[in-house]
Amino acid sequence: MPRVKKTTMAMAVTLTTCAGALGAFALPALADLGGASGPGVRAAAVVNANGSVVRSKGVTAVRRIAVGQYCIRLDADINAMNTVPVATSQWTGAPWDSSIFVRPDGSVPCGDSRDVFVGTGTAAGARDTGFHVIIP
């Protein structure tokens, strides 16, 4: 085998071995639903009115449990009870008198310490509205 080919082959094997070794020490990937990036935030999501996720970081599930009521399940390493979540209505589709409420405990109705409850509506009552939520 020519010397150039041997050297190239040896470099390829070395790089592959190094990449594999580094991968073994990498932190496990979080179970993001939508691939958002958010430096400085532990979790964030853009959620449609029907509960589907547009993009997220640090969020493993979103459930619409009733009209205007959503449970946001955070990654296992985030305890919702120790967070200060912030939520806002999406610009599109939300009436001007929209309200949004967020509660970082999973007691009722979500039922788990990894859940953040989000309620949306208007002065007339609960209403499905898309929203953004951030967990710093």
N, C-alpha and C. Protein backbone atom coordinates (compact mmCIF):
# COMPACT_ATOMS: atom_id res chain seq x y z
N MET A 1 0.86 -1.17 0.00
CA MET A 1 0.00 0.00 0.00
C MET A 1 0.90 1.23 0.00
N PRO A 2 0.62 2.21 -0.86
CA PRO A 2 1.45 3.42 -0.90
C PRO A 2 1.40 4.16 0.44
N ARG A 3 2.48 4.88 0.73
CA ARG A 3 2.64 5.58 2.00
C ARG A 3 1.51 6.61 2.23
N VAL A 4 1.09 7.36 1.22
CA VAL A 4 0.03 8.36 1.35
C VAL A 4 -1.28 7.69 1.74
N LYS A 5 -1.57 6.55 1.11
CA LYS A 5 -2.80 5.84 1.40
C LYS A 5 -2.78 5.30 2.83
N LYS A 6 -1.63 4.77 3.28
CA LYS A 6 -1.49 4.27 4.65
C LYS A 6 -1.70 5.39 5.66
N THR A 7 -1.09 6.55 5.39
CA THR A 7 -1.21 7.68 6.30
C THR A 7 -2.65 8.17 6.37
N THR A 8 -3.32 8.27 5.24
CA THR A 8 -4.71 8.70 5.20
C THR A 8 -5.60 7.72 5.96
N MET A 9 -5.35 6.44 5.75
CA MET A 9 -6.14 5.40 6.43
C MET A 9 -5.91 5.47 7.94
N ALA A 10 -4.67 5.65 8.36
CA ALA A 10 -4.36 5.73 9.79
C ALA A 10 -5.03 6.95 10.42
N MET A 11 -5.04 8.08 9.71
CA MET A 11 -5.68 9.29 10.23
C MET A 11 -7.19 9.08 10.36
N ALA A 12 -7.81 8.43 9.39
CA ALA A 12 -9.25 8.18 9.42
C ALA A 12 -9.61 7.30 10.61
N VAL A 13 -8.82 6.25 10.84
CA VAL A 13 -9.08 5.35 11.96
C VAL A 13 -8.91 6.10 13.28
N THR A 14 -7.89 6.91 13.40
CA THR A 14 -7.63 7.68 14.62
C THR A 14 -8.76 8.66 14.89
N LEU A 15 -9.20 9.38 13.86
CA LEU A 15 -10.29 10.34 14.04
C LEU A 15 -11.59 9.65 14.43
N THR A 16 -11.87 8.51 13.82
CA THR A 16 -13.08 7.76 14.15
C THR A 16 -13.03 7.29 15.60
N THR A 17 -11.88 6.80 16.03
CA THR A 17 -11.72 6.33 17.40
C THR A 17 -11.89 7.48 18.39
N CYS A 18 -11.29 8.63 18.09
CA CYS A 18 -11.41 9.81 18.97
C CYS A 18 -12.85 10.27 19.06
N ALA A 19 -13.54 10.31 17.94
CA ALA A 19 -14.93 10.76 17.93
C ALA A 19 -15.79 9.82 18.78
N GLY A 20 -15.55 8.52 18.67
CA GLY A 20 -16.29 7.55 19.47
C GLY A 20 -16.00 7.72 20.96
N ALA A 21 -14.75 7.95 21.30
CA ALA A 21 -14.38 8.14 22.70
C ALA A 21 -15.00 9.41 23.27
N LEU A 22 -14.99 10.48 22.52
CA LEU A 22 -15.60 11.72 22.98
C LEU A 22 -17.10 11.57 23.14
N GLY A 23 -17.72 10.83 22.25
CA GLY A 23 -19.16 10.60 22.35
C GLY A 23 -19.54 9.88 23.62
N ALA A 24 -18.66 9.02 24.12
CA ALA A 24 -18.94 8.28 25.35
C ALA A 24 -18.98 9.20 26.56
N PHE A 25 -18.29 10.35 26.49
CA PHE A 25 -18.27 11.28 27.61
C PHE A 25 -19.26 12.42 27.46
N ALA A 26 -19.94 12.50 26.34
CA ALA A 26 -20.89 13.59 26.11
C ALA A 26 -22.11 13.42 27.01
N LEU A 27 -22.75 14.53 27.35
CA LEU A 27 -23.97 14.47 28.13
C LEU A 27 -25.07 13.87 27.29
N PRO A 28 -26.00 13.15 27.89
CA PRO A 28 -27.09 12.59 27.10
C PRO A 28 -27.96 13.69 26.52
N ALA A 29 -28.44 13.48 25.32
CA ALA A 29 -29.29 14.47 24.66
C ALA A 29 -30.61 14.56 25.39
N LEU A 30 -31.12 15.77 25.55
CA LEU A 30 -32.41 15.95 26.17
C LEU A 30 -33.50 15.66 25.14
N ALA A 31 -34.64 15.28 25.61
CA ALA A 31 -35.71 14.82 24.73
C ALA A 31 -36.54 15.99 24.20
N ASP A 32 -35.92 16.87 23.48
CA ASP A 32 -36.63 18.01 22.93
C ASP A 32 -37.62 17.55 21.86
N LEU A 33 -38.77 18.18 21.81
CA LEU A 33 -39.75 17.84 20.80
C LEU A 33 -39.48 18.54 19.48
N GLY A 34 -38.99 19.78 19.54
CA GLY A 34 -38.96 20.54 18.31
C GLY A 34 -37.67 21.21 17.91
N GLY A 35 -36.60 21.03 18.64
CA GLY A 35 -35.31 21.52 18.19
C GLY A 35 -35.08 23.01 18.27
N ALA A 36 -35.63 23.70 19.25
CA ALA A 36 -35.36 25.13 19.41
C ALA A 36 -34.05 25.31 20.15
N SER A 37 -33.38 26.42 19.91
CA SER A 37 -32.19 26.74 20.70
C SER A 37 -32.53 27.93 21.57
N GLY A 38 -32.00 27.92 22.76
CA GLY A 38 -32.27 29.01 23.69
C GLY A 38 -31.17 29.10 24.72
N PRO A 39 -30.06 29.73 24.36
CA PRO A 39 -28.98 29.86 25.32
C PRO A 39 -29.47 30.55 26.59
N GLY A 40 -29.14 30.00 27.72
CA GLY A 40 -29.53 30.62 28.98
C GLY A 40 -30.88 30.21 29.50
N VAL A 41 -31.62 29.40 28.78
CA VAL A 41 -32.90 28.89 29.29
C VAL A 41 -32.83 27.37 29.40
N ARG A 42 -33.47 26.85 30.45
CA ARG A 42 -33.49 25.40 30.61
C ARG A 42 -34.54 24.75 29.72
N ALA A 43 -35.65 25.45 29.54
CA ALA A 43 -36.72 24.90 28.70
C ALA A 43 -37.48 26.05 28.05
N ALA A 44 -38.02 25.77 26.87
CA ALA A 44 -38.83 26.75 26.15
C ALA A 44 -39.65 26.00 25.12
N ALA A 45 -40.81 26.54 24.78
CA ALA A 45 -41.63 25.91 23.74
C ALA A 45 -42.56 26.93 23.11
N VAL A 46 -42.83 26.72 21.83
CA VAL A 46 -43.87 27.42 21.11
C VAL A 46 -44.95 26.38 20.87
N VAL A 47 -46.14 26.63 21.41
CA VAL A 47 -47.22 25.64 21.39
C VAL A 47 -48.42 26.22 20.67
N ASN A 48 -48.99 25.45 19.74
CA ASN A 48 -50.20 25.86 19.03
C ASN A 48 -51.42 25.68 19.92
N ALA A 49 -52.54 26.28 19.53
CA ALA A 49 -53.77 26.21 20.31
C ALA A 49 -54.24 24.78 20.54
N ASN A 50 -53.95 23.87 19.62
CA ASN A 50 -54.38 22.48 19.77
C ASN A 50 -53.43 21.65 20.62
N GLY A 51 -52.35 22.28 21.13
CA GLY A 51 -51.39 21.57 21.97
C GLY A 51 -50.20 21.01 21.22
N SER A 52 -50.18 21.13 19.90
CA SER A 52 -49.02 20.63 19.15
C SER A 52 -47.86 21.61 19.32
N VAL A 53 -46.65 21.05 19.32
CA VAL A 53 -45.45 21.84 19.56
C VAL A 53 -44.83 22.26 18.23
N VAL A 54 -44.56 23.56 18.09
CA VAL A 54 -43.89 24.07 16.90
C VAL A 54 -42.39 23.81 17.03
N ARG A 55 -41.82 24.19 18.16
CA ARG A 55 -40.42 23.91 18.47
C ARG A 55 -40.25 24.01 19.98
N SER A 56 -39.19 23.36 20.48
CA SER A 56 -39.01 23.36 21.93
C SER A 56 -37.57 23.06 22.30
N LYS A 57 -37.29 23.28 23.56
CA LYS A 57 -36.02 22.91 24.17
C LYS A 57 -36.34 22.49 25.60
N GLY A 58 -35.86 21.33 26.02
CA GLY A 58 -36.07 20.88 27.39
C GLY A 58 -37.50 20.47 27.70
N VAL A 59 -38.31 20.26 26.67
CA VAL A 59 -39.71 19.86 26.85
C VAL A 59 -39.89 18.49 26.22
N THR A 60 -40.46 17.55 26.98
CA THR A 60 -40.64 16.20 26.45
C THR A 60 -42.06 15.92 25.98
N ALA A 61 -43.04 16.71 26.45
CA ALA A 61 -44.42 16.50 26.02
C ALA A 61 -45.26 17.72 26.35
N VAL A 62 -46.32 17.89 25.58
CA VAL A 62 -47.34 18.90 25.86
C VAL A 62 -48.69 18.21 25.71
N ARG A 63 -49.54 18.35 26.73
CA ARG A 63 -50.88 17.77 26.68
C ARG A 63 -51.91 18.88 26.82
N ARG A 64 -52.88 18.89 25.94
CA ARG A 64 -54.04 19.78 26.09
C ARG A 64 -55.06 18.95 26.86
N ILE A 65 -55.33 19.33 28.11
CA ILE A 65 -56.18 18.50 28.96
C ILE A 65 -57.63 18.96 28.98
N ALA A 66 -57.88 20.19 28.57
CA ALA A 66 -59.24 20.73 28.46
C ALA A 66 -59.13 22.01 27.65
N VAL A 67 -60.26 22.63 27.37
CA VAL A 67 -60.24 23.88 26.63
C VAL A 67 -59.39 24.89 27.40
N GLY A 68 -58.35 25.40 26.74
CA GLY A 68 -57.49 26.42 27.34
C GLY A 68 -56.59 25.93 28.47
N GLN A 69 -56.41 24.62 28.61
CA GLN A 69 -55.58 24.08 29.68
C GLN A 69 -54.54 23.11 29.11
N TYR A 70 -53.26 23.36 29.46
CA TYR A 70 -52.16 22.59 28.90
C TYR A 70 -51.19 22.20 30.01
N CYS A 71 -50.62 21.01 29.89
CA CYS A 71 -49.56 20.56 30.79
C CYS A 71 -48.28 20.43 29.97
N ILE A 72 -47.25 21.13 30.39
CA ILE A 72 -45.96 21.10 29.71
C ILE A 72 -45.03 20.21 30.54
N ARG A 73 -44.63 19.07 29.99
CA ARG A 73 -43.72 18.15 30.69
C ARG A 73 -42.29 18.54 30.37
N LEU A 74 -41.51 18.82 31.43
CA LEU A 74 -40.12 19.23 31.27
C LEU A 74 -39.20 18.02 31.34
N ASP A 75 -37.97 18.19 30.86
CA ASP A 75 -36.97 17.13 30.96
C ASP A 75 -36.83 16.67 32.41
N ALA A 76 -36.39 15.44 32.59
CA ALA A 76 -36.30 14.84 33.91
C ALA A 76 -35.39 15.60 34.86
N ASP A 77 -34.41 16.32 34.35
CA ASP A 77 -33.48 17.05 35.22
C ASP A 77 -33.98 18.43 35.62
N ILE A 78 -35.22 18.79 35.24
CA ILE A 78 -35.79 20.09 35.60
C ILE A 78 -36.99 19.85 36.52
N ASN A 79 -36.93 20.37 37.73
CA ASN A 79 -38.04 20.29 38.66
C ASN A 79 -38.87 21.56 38.51
N ALA A 80 -40.07 21.43 37.99
CA ALA A 80 -40.92 22.59 37.72
C ALA A 80 -41.20 23.40 38.99
N MET A 81 -41.24 22.74 40.14
CA MET A 81 -41.54 23.42 41.40
C MET A 81 -40.45 24.44 41.77
N ASN A 82 -39.25 24.29 41.19
CA ASN A 82 -38.15 25.20 41.48
C ASN A 82 -37.92 26.22 40.37
N THR A 83 -38.90 26.42 39.52
CA THR A 83 -38.73 27.32 38.37
C THR A 83 -39.64 28.54 38.49
N VAL A 84 -39.38 29.51 37.64
CA VAL A 84 -40.24 30.69 37.52
C VAL A 84 -40.59 30.82 36.03
N PRO A 85 -41.58 30.05 35.57
CA PRO A 85 -41.91 30.06 34.15
C PRO A 85 -42.59 31.37 33.73
N VAL A 86 -42.38 31.70 32.46
CA VAL A 86 -42.97 32.89 31.86
C VAL A 86 -43.68 32.45 30.59
N ALA A 87 -44.91 32.92 30.38
CA ALA A 87 -45.67 32.54 29.19
C ALA A 87 -46.34 33.76 28.59
N THR A 88 -46.53 33.71 27.29
CA THR A 88 -47.24 34.78 26.58
C THR A 88 -48.02 34.18 25.41
N SER A 89 -49.10 34.82 25.05
CA SER A 89 -49.91 34.35 23.93
C SER A 89 -49.18 34.57 22.62
N GLN A 90 -49.43 33.69 21.65
CA GLN A 90 -48.88 33.90 20.31
C GLN A 90 -49.57 35.10 19.68
N TRP A 91 -48.83 35.79 18.85
CA TRP A 91 -49.37 36.97 18.19
C TRP A 91 -50.52 36.59 17.26
N THR A 92 -50.36 35.54 16.49
CA THR A 92 -51.39 35.15 15.51
C THR A 92 -52.48 34.33 16.19
N GLY A 93 -53.70 34.69 15.95
CA GLY A 93 -54.84 33.93 16.42
C GLY A 93 -55.31 34.26 17.83
N ALA A 94 -54.61 35.09 18.56
CA ALA A 94 -55.03 35.42 19.92
C ALA A 94 -55.82 36.73 19.90
N PRO A 95 -56.99 36.75 20.52
CA PRO A 95 -57.74 38.00 20.60
C PRO A 95 -57.03 39.00 21.51
N TRP A 96 -57.34 40.27 21.35
CA TRP A 96 -56.67 41.32 22.11
C TRP A 96 -56.91 41.19 23.61
N ASP A 97 -58.02 40.62 24.00
CA ASP A 97 -58.28 40.50 25.44
C ASP A 97 -57.84 39.15 26.00
N SER A 98 -56.87 38.50 25.33
CA SER A 98 -56.37 37.20 25.79
C SER A 98 -55.70 37.30 27.15
N SER A 99 -55.87 36.25 27.91
CA SER A 99 -55.17 36.10 29.18
C SER A 99 -54.41 34.79 29.16
N ILE A 100 -53.31 34.76 29.88
CA ILE A 100 -52.55 33.52 30.00
C ILE A 100 -52.05 33.43 31.43
N PHE A 101 -52.17 32.24 31.99
CA PHE A 101 -51.74 31.99 33.36
C PHE A 101 -50.80 30.80 33.35
N VAL A 102 -49.83 30.83 34.23
CA VAL A 102 -48.86 29.74 34.28
C VAL A 102 -48.63 29.38 35.74
N ARG A 103 -48.55 28.09 36.00
CA ARG A 103 -48.34 27.62 37.37
C ARG A 103 -47.28 26.53 37.35
N PRO A 104 -46.19 26.73 38.08
CA PRO A 104 -45.08 25.78 38.00
C PRO A 104 -45.19 24.59 38.93
N ASP A 105 -46.39 24.23 39.33
CA ASP A 105 -46.49 23.02 40.15
C ASP A 105 -47.33 22.00 39.43
N GLY A 106 -47.00 20.77 39.64
CA GLY A 106 -47.71 19.72 38.91
C GLY A 106 -48.83 19.10 39.70
N SER A 107 -49.29 19.75 40.76
CA SER A 107 -50.31 19.11 41.60
C SER A 107 -51.59 18.86 40.82
N VAL A 108 -52.43 19.82 40.74
CA VAL A 108 -53.68 19.67 40.01
C VAL A 108 -53.67 20.73 38.92
N PRO A 109 -53.96 20.46 37.74
CA PRO A 109 -54.48 19.23 37.16
C PRO A 109 -53.42 18.36 36.47
N CYS A 110 -52.17 18.80 36.38
CA CYS A 110 -51.16 18.04 35.64
C CYS A 110 -50.68 16.81 36.41
N GLY A 111 -50.41 16.97 37.69
CA GLY A 111 -50.12 15.82 38.53
C GLY A 111 -48.69 15.34 38.62
N ASP A 112 -47.71 16.12 38.18
CA ASP A 112 -46.32 15.68 38.27
C ASP A 112 -45.43 16.89 38.52
N SER A 113 -44.37 16.71 39.31
CA SER A 113 -43.48 17.83 39.63
C SER A 113 -42.67 18.31 38.43
N ARG A 114 -42.69 17.54 37.33
CA ARG A 114 -42.00 17.98 36.11
C ARG A 114 -42.90 18.77 35.18
N ASP A 115 -44.16 18.98 35.56
CA ASP A 115 -45.12 19.65 34.69
C ASP A 115 -45.31 21.11 35.08
N VAL A 116 -45.51 21.93 34.05
CA VAL A 116 -45.90 23.33 34.22
C VAL A 116 -47.30 23.44 33.62
N PHE A 117 -48.23 24.01 34.38
CA PHE A 117 -49.60 24.20 33.89
C PHE A 117 -49.72 25.57 33.24
N VAL A 118 -50.33 25.60 32.06
CA VAL A 118 -50.59 26.86 31.35
C VAL A 118 -52.08 26.92 31.06
N GLY A 119 -52.71 28.03 31.44
CA GLY A 119 -54.12 28.26 31.14
C GLY A 119 -54.26 29.46 30.24
N THR A 120 -55.11 29.35 29.21
CA THR A 120 -55.33 30.45 28.27
C THR A 120 -56.81 30.74 28.16
N GLY A 121 -57.15 31.98 27.85
CA GLY A 121 -58.54 32.34 27.69
C GLY A 121 -58.74 33.81 27.46
N THR A 122 -59.98 34.24 27.61
CA THR A 122 -60.36 35.65 27.49
C THR A 122 -61.25 35.98 28.68
N ALA A 123 -61.78 37.19 28.71
CA ALA A 123 -62.68 37.58 29.79
C ALA A 123 -63.93 36.70 29.81
N ALA A 124 -64.29 36.13 28.67
CA ALA A 124 -65.47 35.28 28.58
C ALA A 124 -65.23 33.87 29.13
N GLY A 125 -63.97 33.48 29.33
CA GLY A 125 -63.67 32.15 29.86
C GLY A 125 -62.53 31.48 29.13
N ALA A 126 -62.35 30.21 29.42
CA ALA A 126 -61.25 29.44 28.83
C ALA A 126 -61.37 29.41 27.31
N ARG A 127 -60.21 29.49 26.64
CA ARG A 127 -60.18 29.48 25.17
C ARG A 127 -58.84 28.91 24.76
N ASP A 128 -58.85 28.02 23.77
CA ASP A 128 -57.60 27.48 23.23
C ASP A 128 -56.87 28.59 22.50
N THR A 129 -55.66 28.88 22.94
CA THR A 129 -54.83 29.92 22.33
C THR A 129 -53.40 29.44 22.30
N GLY A 130 -52.71 29.63 21.18
CA GLY A 130 -51.30 29.29 21.10
C GLY A 130 -50.49 30.18 22.02
N PHE A 131 -49.37 29.66 22.50
CA PHE A 131 -48.55 30.43 23.44
C PHE A 131 -47.08 30.05 23.34
N HIS A 132 -46.26 30.87 23.97
CA HIS A 132 -44.83 30.62 24.12
C HIS A 132 -44.58 30.52 25.62
N VAL A 133 -43.75 29.59 26.04
CA VAL A 133 -43.40 29.46 27.44
C VAL A 133 -41.88 29.31 27.55
N ILE A 134 -41.30 29.96 28.56
CA ILE A 134 -39.86 29.91 28.80
C ILE A 134 -39.63 29.56 30.27
N ILE A 135 -38.70 28.65 30.50
CA ILE A 135 -38.29 28.29 31.86
C ILE A 135 -36.81 28.69 31.98
N PRO A 136 -36.52 29.87 32.59
CA PRO A 136 -35.12 30.31 32.69
C PRO A 136 -34.28 29.38 33.55
